[in-house]
Amino acid sequence: MAKPDKTQKQPKGAPIADAPAAAAGKVPTKGGAVVAPSSGSAGAPRINIGIEDADRAAIAEGLSRVLADTFTLYFTTHNFHWNVTGPHFTSLHAMFMDQYTELWNSTDTIAERIRSLGHYAPGSYAEFSKIATVADVPQQPPKAKEMIRILVQGHETVSRISREFIPVAEEAGDDATADMLTARCQVHDQTAWMLRSLLEE
């Protein structure tokens, strides 16, 4: 099936709903929550970056899911950095710090991409809890081996969620988002592999 021609100009004043929207409606909702409302363009020119409004909205929602999961995983990793114990404390304490630092830096990249698409980035625990797939950090710190197991699952979850939205971005012609999500998958896949290796006997 041929992709819609994104280069075709819309008649002046045509409603947004009439525009082709390859990505629109393809982002799975989580509890019906919409957490990336349009930031509008009052006093500024209408956003015209070659991606339709409906596509930008769908991609922003997808990125919000990735952001919520990344932030949740960051928080869990930082918690484990504080609370890890046992004979491998020194190496795990340092490794978790490297990992939470990388995750923290990535949240800015993801959030700023949402803003570049003309939408507000979610940034509250309340919003993240509505849409995150990664489980929250356990209230009782687990043993070191279980911490590693939880982080493996967390990184693999963020990788899966990110992969869901790569085709959405590609169909909308949003190569910047697709490339960013691909890079994030590489980081999460590699980190999961390294953590998983620590669990092998």
C-alpha atoms as a PDB file:
ATOM      1  CA  MET A   1       0.000   0.000   0.000  1.00  0.00           C
ATOM      2  CA  ALA A   2       1.454   3.379  -1.007  1.00  0.00           C
ATOM      3  CA  LYS A   3       2.240   5.895   1.720  1.00  0.00           C
ATOM      4  CA  PRO A   4       0.356   9.194   1.676  1.00  0.00           C
ATOM      5  CA  ASP A   5       2.169  11.985  -0.135  1.00  0.00           C
ATOM      6  CA  LYS A   6       3.269  14.284   2.695  1.00  0.00           C
ATOM      7  CA  THR A   7       4.571  16.905   0.281  1.00  0.00           C
ATOM      8  CA  GLN A   8       1.140  17.720  -1.155  1.00  0.00           C
ATOM      9  CA  LYS A   9      -0.013  21.131   0.079  1.00  0.00           C
ATOM     10  CA  GLN A  10      -3.348  21.423   1.804  1.00  0.00           C
ATOM     11  CA  PRO A  11      -5.817  24.068   0.618  1.00  0.00           C
ATOM     12  CA  LYS A  12      -5.639  27.218   2.697  1.00  0.00           C
ATOM     13  CA  GLY A  13      -8.034  27.061   5.614  1.00  0.00           C
ATOM     14  CA  ALA A  14      -8.657  23.283   5.264  1.00  0.00           C
ATOM     15  CA  PRO A  15      -9.479  21.657   8.603  1.00  0.00           C
ATOM     16  CA  ILE A  16      -6.669  19.695  10.260  1.00  0.00           C
ATOM     17  CA  ALA A  17      -8.804  16.530  10.228  1.00  0.00           C
ATOM     18  CA  ASP A  18      -8.646  16.516   6.398  1.00  0.00           C
ATOM     19  CA  ALA A  19      -4.850  16.250   6.405  1.00  0.00           C
ATOM     20  CA  PRO A  20      -3.263  12.827   5.852  1.00  0.00           C
ATOM     21  CA  ALA A  21      -2.254  11.327   9.191  1.00  0.00           C
ATOM     22  CA  ALA A  22      -0.150   8.198   8.877  1.00  0.00           C
ATOM     23  CA  ALA A  23       0.578   8.021  12.609  1.00  0.00           C
ATOM     24  CA  ALA A  24      -2.700   9.318  13.998  1.00  0.00           C
ATOM     25  CA  GLY A  25      -4.560   6.806  16.108  1.00  0.00           C
ATOM     26  CA  LYS A  26      -1.704   4.299  16.065  1.00  0.00           C
ATOM     27  CA  VAL A  27      -0.330   5.109  19.509  1.00  0.00           C
ATOM     28  CA  PRO A  28      -1.731   2.758  22.173  1.00  0.00           C
ATOM     29  CA  THR A  29      -3.381   4.726  24.951  1.00  0.00           C
ATOM     30  CA  LYS A  30      -2.692   3.858  28.560  1.00  0.00           C
ATOM     31  CA  GLY A  31      -5.842   4.233  30.623  1.00  0.00           C
ATOM     32  CA  GLY A  32      -7.187   6.771  28.132  1.00  0.00           C
ATOM     33  CA  ALA A  33      -4.717   9.356  29.446  1.00  0.00           C
ATOM     34  CA  VAL A  34      -3.488  12.129  27.159  1.00  0.00           C
ATOM     35  CA  VAL A  35      -0.411  13.690  28.726  1.00  0.00           C
ATOM     36  CA  ALA A  36       1.159  15.652  25.868  1.00  0.00           C
ATOM     37  CA  PRO A  37      -1.328  18.435  25.038  1.00  0.00           C
ATOM     38  CA  SER A  38      -0.527  20.801  22.205  1.00  0.00           C
ATOM     39  CA  SER A  39       1.437  23.820  23.363  1.00  0.00           C
ATOM     40  CA  GLY A  40      -0.255  25.936  20.687  1.00  0.00           C
ATOM     41  CA  SER A  41       1.418  28.744  18.833  1.00  0.00           C
ATOM     42  CA  ALA A  42      -0.241  31.902  20.125  1.00  0.00           C
ATOM     43  CA  GLY A  43       1.740  34.881  18.896  1.00  0.00           C
ATOM     44  CA  ALA A  44       4.033  32.650  16.816  1.00  0.00           C
ATOM     45  CA  PRO A  45       3.761  31.148  13.325  1.00  0.00           C
ATOM     46  CA  ARG A  46       1.950  27.823  13.056  1.00  0.00           C
ATOM     47  CA  ILE A  47       4.376  24.896  13.279  1.00  0.00           C
ATOM     48  CA  ASN A  48       5.345  23.817   9.767  1.00  0.00           C
ATOM     49  CA  ILE A  49       8.144  21.221   9.918  1.00  0.00           C
ATOM     50  CA  GLY A  50       6.700  18.829   7.330  1.00  0.00           C
ATOM     51  CA  ILE A  51       4.868  16.618   9.829  1.00  0.00           C
ATOM     52  CA  GLU A  52       1.075  16.826  10.017  1.00  0.00           C
ATOM     53  CA  ASP A  53      -0.567  18.049  13.217  1.00  0.00           C
ATOM     54  CA  ALA A  54      -2.262  14.728  13.949  1.00  0.00           C
ATOM     55  CA  ASP A  55       1.009  12.873  13.421  1.00  0.00           C
ATOM     56  CA  ARG A  56       2.894  15.223  15.723  1.00  0.00           C
ATOM     57  CA  ALA A  57       0.249  14.656  18.405  1.00  0.00           C
ATOM     58  CA  ALA A  58       0.491  10.866  18.083  1.00  0.00           C
ATOM     59  CA  ILE A  59       4.283  10.900  18.160  1.00  0.00           C
ATOM     60  CA  ALA A  60       4.321  13.222  21.184  1.00  0.00           C
ATOM     61  CA  GLU A  61       2.037  10.816  23.054  1.00  0.00           C
ATOM     62  CA  GLY A  62       4.312   7.906  22.148  1.00  0.00           C
ATOM     63  CA  LEU A  63       7.385   9.813  23.300  1.00  0.00           C
ATOM     64  CA  SER A  64       5.580  10.654  26.539  1.00  0.00           C
ATOM     65  CA  ARG A  65       5.219   6.929  27.212  1.00  0.00           C
ATOM     66  CA  VAL A  66       8.945   6.467  26.570  1.00  0.00           C
ATOM     67  CA  LEU A  67       9.716   9.443  28.826  1.00  0.00           C
ATOM     68  CA  ALA A  68       7.573   8.078  31.667  1.00  0.00           C
ATOM     69  CA  ASP A  69       9.247   4.678  31.477  1.00  0.00           C
ATOM     70  CA  THR A  70      12.737   6.180  31.200  1.00  0.00           C
ATOM     71  CA  PHE A  71      12.152   8.404  34.221  1.00  0.00           C
ATOM     72  CA  THR A  72      10.731   5.500  36.250  1.00  0.00           C
ATOM     73  CA  LEU A  73      13.751   3.360  35.365  1.00  0.00           C
ATOM     74  CA  TYR A  74      16.064   6.257  36.238  1.00  0.00           C
ATOM     75  CA  PHE A  75      14.439   6.610  39.649  1.00  0.00           C
ATOM     76  CA  THR A  76      14.687   2.856  40.308  1.00  0.00           C
ATOM     77  CA  THR A  77      18.353   2.754  39.268  1.00  0.00           C
ATOM     78  CA  HIS A  78      19.198   5.738  41.479  1.00  0.00           C
ATOM     79  CA  ASN A  79      17.369   4.115  44.399  1.00  0.00           C
ATOM     80  CA  PHE A  80      19.391   0.919  43.914  1.00  0.00           C
ATOM     81  CA  HIS A  81      22.611   2.981  43.792  1.00  0.00           C
ATOM     82  CA  TRP A  82      21.759   4.304  47.264  1.00  0.00           C
ATOM     83  CA  ASN A  83      20.546   1.042  48.770  1.00  0.00           C
ATOM     84  CA  VAL A  84      22.639  -1.771  47.280  1.00  0.00           C
ATOM     85  CA  THR A  85      24.473  -3.946  49.826  1.00  0.00           C
ATOM     86  CA  GLY A  86      26.576  -7.085  49.813  1.00  0.00           C
ATOM     87  CA  PRO A  87      30.022  -8.224  48.663  1.00  0.00           C
ATOM     88  CA  HIS A  88      29.707  -6.476  45.276  1.00  0.00           C
ATOM     89  CA  PHE A  89      28.643  -3.142  46.753  1.00  0.00           C
ATOM     90  CA  THR A  90      31.521  -1.073  45.324  1.00  0.00           C
ATOM     91  CA  SER A  91      31.200  -2.262  41.716  1.00  0.00           C
ATOM     92  CA  LEU A  92      27.378  -2.196  41.679  1.00  0.00           C
ATOM     93  CA  HIS A  93      27.212   1.201  43.406  1.00  0.00           C
ATOM     94  CA  ALA A  94      29.488   2.657  40.681  1.00  0.00           C
ATOM     95  CA  MET A  95      27.750   0.833  37.811  1.00  0.00           C
ATOM     96  CA  PHE A  96      24.286   1.969  38.919  1.00  0.00           C
ATOM     97  CA  MET A  97      25.575   5.565  39.057  1.00  0.00           C
ATOM     98  CA  ASP A  98      26.798   5.349  35.453  1.00  0.00           C
ATOM     99  CA  GLN A  99      23.442   3.917  34.398  1.00  0.00           C
ATOM    100  CA  TYR A 100      21.218   6.422  36.219  1.00  0.00           C
ATOM    101  CA  THR A 101      23.344   9.306  34.894  1.00  0.00           C
ATOM    102  CA  GLU A 102      22.830   8.102  31.314  1.00  0.00           C
ATOM    103  CA  LEU A 103      19.077   7.693  31.919  1.00  0.00           C
ATOM    104  CA  TRP A 104      18.786  11.151  33.497  1.00  0.00           C
ATOM    105  CA  ASN A 105      20.518  12.802  30.545  1.00  0.00           C
ATOM    106  CA  SER A 106      18.264  10.961  28.096  1.00  0.00           C
ATOM    107  CA  THR A 107      15.076  12.287  29.719  1.00  0.00           C
ATOM    108  CA  ASP A 108      16.046  15.785  28.591  1.00  0.00           C
ATOM    109  CA  THR A 109      16.569  14.623  25.008  1.00  0.00           C
ATOM    110  CA  ILE A 110      13.176  12.884  24.905  1.00  0.00           C
ATOM    111  CA  ALA A 111      11.288  15.762  26.557  1.00  0.00           C
ATOM    112  CA  GLU A 112      12.852  18.355  24.255  1.00  0.00           C
ATOM    113  CA  ARG A 113      11.844  16.310  21.213  1.00  0.00           C
ATOM    114  CA  ILE A 114       8.237  16.388  22.466  1.00  0.00           C
ATOM    115  CA  ARG A 115       8.536  20.178  22.774  1.00  0.00           C
ATOM    116  CA  SER A 116      10.024  20.411  19.271  1.00  0.00           C
ATOM    117  CA  LEU A 117       6.891  18.689  17.977  1.00  0.00           C
ATOM    118  CA  GLY A 118       4.734  21.437  19.504  1.00  0.00           C
ATOM    119  CA  HIS A 119       3.494  19.609  22.589  1.00  0.00           C
ATOM    120  CA  TYR A 120       4.041  19.898  26.312  1.00  0.00           C
ATOM    121  CA  ALA A 121       6.181  17.201  27.903  1.00  0.00           C
ATOM    122  CA  PRO A 122       4.727  15.489  30.979  1.00  0.00           C
ATOM    123  CA  GLY A 123       6.861  15.891  34.079  1.00  0.00           C
ATOM    124  CA  SER A 124       4.909  14.949  37.182  1.00  0.00           C
ATOM    125  CA  TYR A 125       4.711  11.680  39.101  1.00  0.00           C
ATOM    126  CA  ALA A 126       0.930  11.789  38.666  1.00  0.00           C
ATOM    127  CA  GLU A 127       1.228  11.962  34.862  1.00  0.00           C
ATOM    128  CA  PHE A 128       3.990   9.367  34.666  1.00  0.00           C
ATOM    129  CA  SER A 129       2.079   6.911  36.860  1.00  0.00           C
ATOM    130  CA  LYS A 130      -0.851   6.979  34.386  1.00  0.00           C
ATOM    131  CA  ILE A 131       1.223   5.883  31.407  1.00  0.00           C
ATOM    132  CA  ALA A 132       4.378   4.129  32.633  1.00  0.00           C
ATOM    133  CA  THR A 133       4.810   0.439  31.865  1.00  0.00           C
ATOM    134  CA  VAL A 134       7.982  -0.004  33.932  1.00  0.00           C
ATOM    135  CA  ALA A 135       7.084  -0.972  37.508  1.00  0.00           C
ATOM    136  CA  ASP A 136       7.769   1.509  40.292  1.00  0.00           C
ATOM    137  CA  VAL A 137      10.768   0.931  42.555  1.00  0.00           C
ATOM    138  CA  PRO A 138      10.070  -1.560  45.378  1.00  0.00           C
ATOM    139  CA  GLN A 139       9.453   0.130  48.734  1.00  0.00           C
ATOM    140  CA  GLN A 140      11.670  -2.433  50.470  1.00  0.00           C
ATOM    141  CA  PRO A 141      15.134  -2.515  48.834  1.00  0.00           C
ATOM    142  CA  PRO A 142      15.721  -6.021  47.426  1.00  0.00           C
ATOM    143  CA  LYS A 143      18.976  -7.976  47.528  1.00  0.00           C
ATOM    144  CA  ALA A 144      21.615  -7.029  44.967  1.00  0.00           C
ATOM    145  CA  LYS A 145      20.842  -9.918  42.611  1.00  0.00           C
ATOM    146  CA  GLU A 146      17.147  -9.038  42.563  1.00  0.00           C
ATOM    147  CA  MET A 147      18.034  -5.391  41.873  1.00  0.00           C
ATOM    148  CA  ILE A 148      19.938  -6.520  38.786  1.00  0.00           C
ATOM    149  CA  ARG A 149      17.011  -8.705  37.695  1.00  0.00           C
ATOM    150  CA  ILE A 150      14.570  -5.769  38.073  1.00  0.00           C
ATOM    151  CA  LEU A 151      16.836  -3.483  36.040  1.00  0.00           C
ATOM    152  CA  VAL A 152      17.176  -6.073  33.239  1.00  0.00           C
ATOM    153  CA  GLN A 153      13.384  -6.189  32.990  1.00  0.00           C
ATOM    154  CA  GLY A 154      13.170  -2.395  33.121  1.00  0.00           C
ATOM    155  CA  HIS A 155      15.653  -1.813  30.296  1.00  0.00           C
ATOM    156  CA  GLU A 156      14.021  -4.461  28.130  1.00  0.00           C
ATOM    157  CA  THR A 157      10.609  -2.883  28.751  1.00  0.00           C
ATOM    158  CA  VAL A 158      11.781   0.592  27.716  1.00  0.00           C
ATOM    159  CA  SER A 159      13.375  -0.918  24.615  1.00  0.00           C
ATOM    160  CA  ARG A 160      10.106  -2.656  23.655  1.00  0.00           C
ATOM    161  CA  ILE A 161       8.013   0.485  24.251  1.00  0.00           C
ATOM    162  CA  SER A 162      10.451   2.580  22.198  1.00  0.00           C
ATOM    163  CA  ARG A 163      10.307   0.087  19.316  1.00  0.00           C
ATOM    164  CA  GLU A 164       6.511   0.348  19.222  1.00  0.00           C
ATOM    165  CA  PHE A 165       6.773   3.974  18.152  1.00  0.00           C
ATOM    166  CA  ILE A 166       9.615   3.803  15.628  1.00  0.00           C
ATOM    167  CA  PRO A 167       7.234   2.762  12.773  1.00  0.00           C
ATOM    168  CA  VAL A 168       4.792   5.500  13.835  1.00  0.00           C
ATOM    169  CA  ALA A 169       7.524   8.123  13.486  1.00  0.00           C
ATOM    170  CA  GLU A 170       8.823   6.619  10.226  1.00  0.00           C
ATOM    171  CA  GLU A 171       5.382   6.603   8.580  1.00  0.00           C
ATOM    172  CA  ALA A 172       4.949  10.255   9.514  1.00  0.00           C
ATOM    173  CA  GLY A 173       8.316  11.160   7.979  1.00  0.00           C
ATOM    174  CA  ASP A 174       9.760  12.010  11.399  1.00  0.00           C
ATOM    175  CA  ASP A 175      13.245  10.596  10.905  1.00  0.00           C
ATOM    176  CA  ALA A 176      14.634  12.607  13.837  1.00  0.00           C
ATOM    177  CA  THR A 177      12.341  10.844  16.317  1.00  0.00           C
ATOM    178  CA  ALA A 178      12.827   7.433  14.675  1.00  0.00           C
ATOM    179  CA  ASP A 179      16.614   7.826  14.849  1.00  0.00           C
ATOM    180  CA  MET A 180      16.467   8.976  18.474  1.00  0.00           C
ATOM    181  CA  LEU A 181      14.310   5.990  19.492  1.00  0.00           C
ATOM    182  CA  THR A 182      16.597   3.598  17.600  1.00  0.00           C
ATOM    183  CA  ALA A 183      19.574   4.992  19.513  1.00  0.00           C
ATOM    184  CA  ARG A 184      17.689   4.599  22.798  1.00  0.00           C
ATOM    185  CA  CYS A 185      16.925   0.946  21.959  1.00  0.00           C
ATOM    186  CA  GLN A 186      20.631   0.309  21.379  1.00  0.00           C
ATOM    187  CA  VAL A 187      21.483   1.739  24.812  1.00  0.00           C
ATOM    188  CA  HIS A 188      18.769  -0.232  26.611  1.00  0.00           C
ATOM    189  CA  ASP A 189      19.574  -3.485  24.787  1.00  0.00           C
ATOM    190  CA  GLN A 190      23.269  -3.191  25.619  1.00  0.00           C
ATOM    191  CA  THR A 191      22.626  -2.297  29.268  1.00  0.00           C
ATOM    192  CA  ALA A 192      20.194  -5.199  29.656  1.00  0.00           C
ATOM    193  CA  TRP A 193      22.802  -7.574  28.195  1.00  0.00           C
ATOM    194  CA  MET A 194      25.504  -6.331  30.599  1.00  0.00           C
ATOM    195  CA  LEU A 195      23.200  -6.630  33.601  1.00  0.00           C
ATOM    196  CA  ARG A 196      21.954 -10.057  32.498  1.00  0.00           C
ATOM    197  CA  SER A 197      25.557 -11.258  32.274  1.00  0.00           C
ATOM    198  CA  LEU A 198      25.964 -10.611  36.000  1.00  0.00           C
ATOM    199  CA  LEU A 199      23.186 -13.117  36.714  1.00  0.00           C
ATOM    200  CA  GLU A 200      24.778 -15.997  34.818  1.00  0.00           C
ATOM    201  CA  GLU A 201      26.398 -18.673  36.952  1.00  0.00           C
END
